[in-house]
């Protein structure tokens, strides 16, 4: 499989496979027609829950991801946002977005492909 490899790594891998049993000193040229979509999902108390694309060659912070989903509803608990991550093993992070948004020194939480962001609902 070539998934997750750079263009150079994929080229070298194919050259090795073709050279093993088929060709002598194979010349391989790869061109990427389209990169796989990198997506994240936002659920819970946001205006537009759903799945969103991470722009190619860019990164998305948690605050940007929430803005893409239309921001919080009036029932959202801004101090309790959960990010469920499967990349590199299943992990869960709890982020106080309200504090992060108001503190310029806070390091931005980067969203990775296949992350699920869950915004909790206030209990009255």
C-alpha atoms as a PDB file:
ATOM      1  CA  UNK A   1       0.000   0.000   0.000  1.00  0.00           C
ATOM      2  CA  UNK A   2       1.145   3.508  -0.779  1.00  0.00           C
ATOM      3  CA  UNK A   3      -1.125   5.337   1.672  1.00  0.00           C
ATOM      4  CA  UNK A   4       0.696   7.583   4.110  1.00  0.00           C
ATOM      5  CA  UNK A   5       3.907   7.654   2.059  1.00  0.00           C
ATOM      6  CA  UNK A   6       5.456  10.724   0.499  1.00  0.00           C
ATOM      7  CA  UNK A   7       5.722  10.865  -3.280  1.00  0.00           C
ATOM      8  CA  UNK A   8       9.428   9.984  -3.041  1.00  0.00           C
ATOM      9  CA  UNK A   9       8.790   7.063  -0.668  1.00  0.00           C
ATOM     10  CA  UNK A  10       6.031   5.689  -2.916  1.00  0.00           C
ATOM     11  CA  UNK A  11       8.261   5.950  -5.995  1.00  0.00           C
ATOM     12  CA  UNK A  12      11.108   4.132  -4.250  1.00  0.00           C
ATOM     13  CA  UNK A  13       8.713   1.443  -2.976  1.00  0.00           C
ATOM     14  CA  UNK A  14       7.328   0.768  -6.480  1.00  0.00           C
ATOM     15  CA  UNK A  15      10.828   0.775  -7.996  1.00  0.00           C
ATOM     16  CA  UNK A  16      11.864  -1.842  -5.431  1.00  0.00           C
ATOM     17  CA  UNK A  17       8.797  -4.027  -6.099  1.00  0.00           C
ATOM     18  CA  UNK A  18       9.173  -3.902  -9.897  1.00  0.00           C
ATOM     19  CA  UNK A  19      12.904  -4.518  -9.656  1.00  0.00           C
ATOM     20  CA  UNK A  20      12.492  -7.542  -7.421  1.00  0.00           C
ATOM     21  CA  UNK A  21      10.904  -9.963  -9.900  1.00  0.00           C
ATOM     22  CA  UNK A  22      10.006  -8.136 -13.089  1.00  0.00           C
ATOM     23  CA  UNK A  23      12.401  -5.530 -14.421  1.00  0.00           C
ATOM     24  CA  UNK A  24      16.092  -4.634 -14.306  1.00  0.00           C
ATOM     25  CA  UNK A  25      16.668  -1.094 -13.007  1.00  0.00           C
ATOM     26  CA  UNK A  26      13.032   0.050 -13.455  1.00  0.00           C
ATOM     27  CA  UNK A  27      12.332   3.738 -13.966  1.00  0.00           C
ATOM     28  CA  UNK A  28       9.217   4.836 -12.064  1.00  0.00           C
ATOM     29  CA  UNK A  29       7.548   8.242 -12.253  1.00  0.00           C
ATOM     30  CA  UNK A  30       4.496   8.996 -10.123  1.00  0.00           C
ATOM     31  CA  UNK A  31       2.165  11.934 -10.458  1.00  0.00           C
ATOM     32  CA  UNK A  32      -0.469  12.684  -7.836  1.00  0.00           C
ATOM     33  CA  UNK A  33      -3.825  13.255  -9.501  1.00  0.00           C
ATOM     34  CA  UNK A  34      -5.565  14.073  -6.226  1.00  0.00           C
ATOM     35  CA  UNK A  35      -4.608  13.822  -2.581  1.00  0.00           C
ATOM     36  CA  UNK A  36      -6.887  11.946  -0.204  1.00  0.00           C
ATOM     37  CA  UNK A  37      -9.280  14.164   1.675  1.00  0.00           C
ATOM     38  CA  UNK A  38      -8.225  15.011   5.194  1.00  0.00           C
ATOM     39  CA  UNK A  39     -11.359  15.473   7.257  1.00  0.00           C
ATOM     40  CA  UNK A  40     -12.533  16.085  10.805  1.00  0.00           C
ATOM     41  CA  UNK A  41     -15.993  15.947  12.366  1.00  0.00           C
ATOM     42  CA  UNK A  42     -17.668  18.419  14.718  1.00  0.00           C
ATOM     43  CA  UNK A  43     -20.602  17.179  16.821  1.00  0.00           C
ATOM     44  CA  UNK A  44     -22.737  18.539  19.621  1.00  0.00           C
ATOM     45  CA  UNK A  45     -23.610  22.128  20.400  1.00  0.00           C
ATOM     46  CA  UNK A  46     -22.383  23.937  17.282  1.00  0.00           C
ATOM     47  CA  UNK A  47     -24.465  25.717  14.640  1.00  0.00           C
ATOM     48  CA  UNK A  48     -23.528  23.355  11.778  1.00  0.00           C
ATOM     49  CA  UNK A  49     -22.474  19.897  13.031  1.00  0.00           C
ATOM     50  CA  UNK A  50     -20.854  17.811  10.318  1.00  0.00           C
ATOM     51  CA  UNK A  51     -17.690  16.730   8.586  1.00  0.00           C
ATOM     52  CA  UNK A  52     -15.241  19.310   7.240  1.00  0.00           C
ATOM     53  CA  UNK A  53     -12.149  19.167   5.020  1.00  0.00           C
ATOM     54  CA  UNK A  54      -8.728  20.286   6.181  1.00  0.00           C
ATOM     55  CA  UNK A  55      -7.436  22.437   3.298  1.00  0.00           C
ATOM     56  CA  UNK A  56      -4.562  20.708   1.486  1.00  0.00           C
ATOM     57  CA  UNK A  57      -1.090  21.698   2.650  1.00  0.00           C
ATOM     58  CA  UNK A  58      -2.597  23.622   5.599  1.00  0.00           C
ATOM     59  CA  UNK A  59      -3.431  22.967   9.218  1.00  0.00           C
ATOM     60  CA  UNK A  60      -6.564  23.760  11.224  1.00  0.00           C
ATOM     61  CA  UNK A  61      -6.650  24.731  14.889  1.00  0.00           C
ATOM     62  CA  UNK A  62      -9.491  23.787  17.221  1.00  0.00           C
ATOM     63  CA  UNK A  63     -10.776  27.382  17.209  1.00  0.00           C
ATOM     64  CA  UNK A  64     -10.753  27.436  13.395  1.00  0.00           C
ATOM     65  CA  UNK A  65     -12.564  24.074  13.279  1.00  0.00           C
ATOM     66  CA  UNK A  66     -15.283  25.375  15.591  1.00  0.00           C
ATOM     67  CA  UNK A  67     -15.621  28.507  13.450  1.00  0.00           C
ATOM     68  CA  UNK A  68     -16.001  26.321  10.342  1.00  0.00           C
ATOM     69  CA  UNK A  69     -18.906  24.616  12.143  1.00  0.00           C
ATOM     70  CA  UNK A  70     -20.607  27.991  12.682  1.00  0.00           C
ATOM     71  CA  UNK A  71     -19.526  28.506  16.288  1.00  0.00           C
ATOM     72  CA  UNK A  72     -21.206  27.495  19.520  1.00  0.00           C
ATOM     73  CA  UNK A  73     -24.938  27.314  20.160  1.00  0.00           C
ATOM     74  CA  UNK A  74     -26.304  29.084  23.227  1.00  0.00           C
ATOM     75  CA  UNK A  75     -26.383  25.724  25.050  1.00  0.00           C
ATOM     76  CA  UNK A  76     -22.699  24.938  24.493  1.00  0.00           C
ATOM     77  CA  UNK A  77     -20.250  24.458  27.334  1.00  0.00           C
ATOM     78  CA  UNK A  78     -17.274  26.377  25.935  1.00  0.00           C
ATOM     79  CA  UNK A  79     -15.080  25.227  28.783  1.00  0.00           C
ATOM     80  CA  UNK A  80     -15.585  21.560  27.915  1.00  0.00           C
ATOM     81  CA  UNK A  81     -14.768  20.569  24.360  1.00  0.00           C
ATOM     82  CA  UNK A  82     -13.600  17.013  23.741  1.00  0.00           C
ATOM     83  CA  UNK A  83     -11.370  15.953  20.856  1.00  0.00           C
ATOM     84  CA  UNK A  84     -11.338  12.213  20.126  1.00  0.00           C
ATOM     85  CA  UNK A  85      -8.277  11.213  18.109  1.00  0.00           C
ATOM     86  CA  UNK A  86      -7.633   7.879  16.407  1.00  0.00           C
ATOM     87  CA  UNK A  87      -4.363   8.792  14.650  1.00  0.00           C
ATOM     88  CA  UNK A  88      -1.480   7.160  16.546  1.00  0.00           C
ATOM     89  CA  UNK A  89      -3.808   5.238  18.860  1.00  0.00           C
ATOM     90  CA  UNK A  90      -7.156   6.201  20.328  1.00  0.00           C
ATOM     91  CA  UNK A  91      -6.892   9.181  22.683  1.00  0.00           C
ATOM     92  CA  UNK A  92      -9.237  11.807  24.073  1.00  0.00           C
ATOM     93  CA  UNK A  93      -8.371  15.406  24.929  1.00  0.00           C
ATOM     94  CA  UNK A  94     -10.481  17.835  26.950  1.00  0.00           C
ATOM     95  CA  UNK A  95      -9.939  21.478  26.001  1.00  0.00           C
ATOM     96  CA  UNK A  96     -11.178  24.639  27.702  1.00  0.00           C
ATOM     97  CA  UNK A  97     -11.834  26.637  24.541  1.00  0.00           C
ATOM     98  CA  UNK A  98     -13.139  29.660  26.436  1.00  0.00           C
ATOM     99  CA  UNK A  99      -9.810  30.097  28.239  1.00  0.00           C
ATOM    100  CA  UNK A 100      -7.784  29.348  25.103  1.00  0.00           C
ATOM    101  CA  UNK A 101      -9.678  31.953  23.071  1.00  0.00           C
ATOM    102  CA  UNK A 102      -9.096  34.645  25.700  1.00  0.00           C
ATOM    103  CA  UNK A 103      -5.403  33.908  26.350  1.00  0.00           C
ATOM    104  CA  UNK A 104      -3.043  34.904  23.538  1.00  0.00           C
ATOM    105  CA  UNK A 105      -0.216  32.886  25.124  1.00  0.00           C
ATOM    106  CA  UNK A 106      -2.113  29.581  24.930  1.00  0.00           C
ATOM    107  CA  UNK A 107      -0.709  27.180  22.338  1.00  0.00           C
ATOM    108  CA  UNK A 108      -3.288  26.441  19.659  1.00  0.00           C
ATOM    109  CA  UNK A 109      -4.625  22.879  19.620  1.00  0.00           C
ATOM    110  CA  UNK A 110      -4.098  21.470  16.111  1.00  0.00           C
ATOM    111  CA  UNK A 111      -6.790  19.266  14.597  1.00  0.00           C
ATOM    112  CA  UNK A 112      -5.550  16.155  12.799  1.00  0.00           C
ATOM    113  CA  UNK A 113      -7.298  14.082  10.110  1.00  0.00           C
ATOM    114  CA  UNK A 114     -10.150  11.916  11.444  1.00  0.00           C
ATOM    115  CA  UNK A 115     -10.410  13.863  14.726  1.00  0.00           C
ATOM    116  CA  UNK A 116     -13.906  14.133  16.195  1.00  0.00           C
ATOM    117  CA  UNK A 117     -14.702  17.314  18.127  1.00  0.00           C
ATOM    118  CA  UNK A 118     -17.600  17.095  20.586  1.00  0.00           C
ATOM    119  CA  UNK A 119     -19.084  20.210  22.200  1.00  0.00           C
ATOM    120  CA  UNK A 120     -20.979  19.396  25.383  1.00  0.00           C
ATOM    121  CA  UNK A 121     -24.436  20.762  26.259  1.00  0.00           C
ATOM    122  CA  UNK A 122     -25.062  22.831  29.371  1.00  0.00           C
ATOM    123  CA  UNK A 123     -27.159  21.154  32.035  1.00  0.00           C
ATOM    124  CA  UNK A 124     -29.660  23.451  33.713  1.00  0.00           C
END
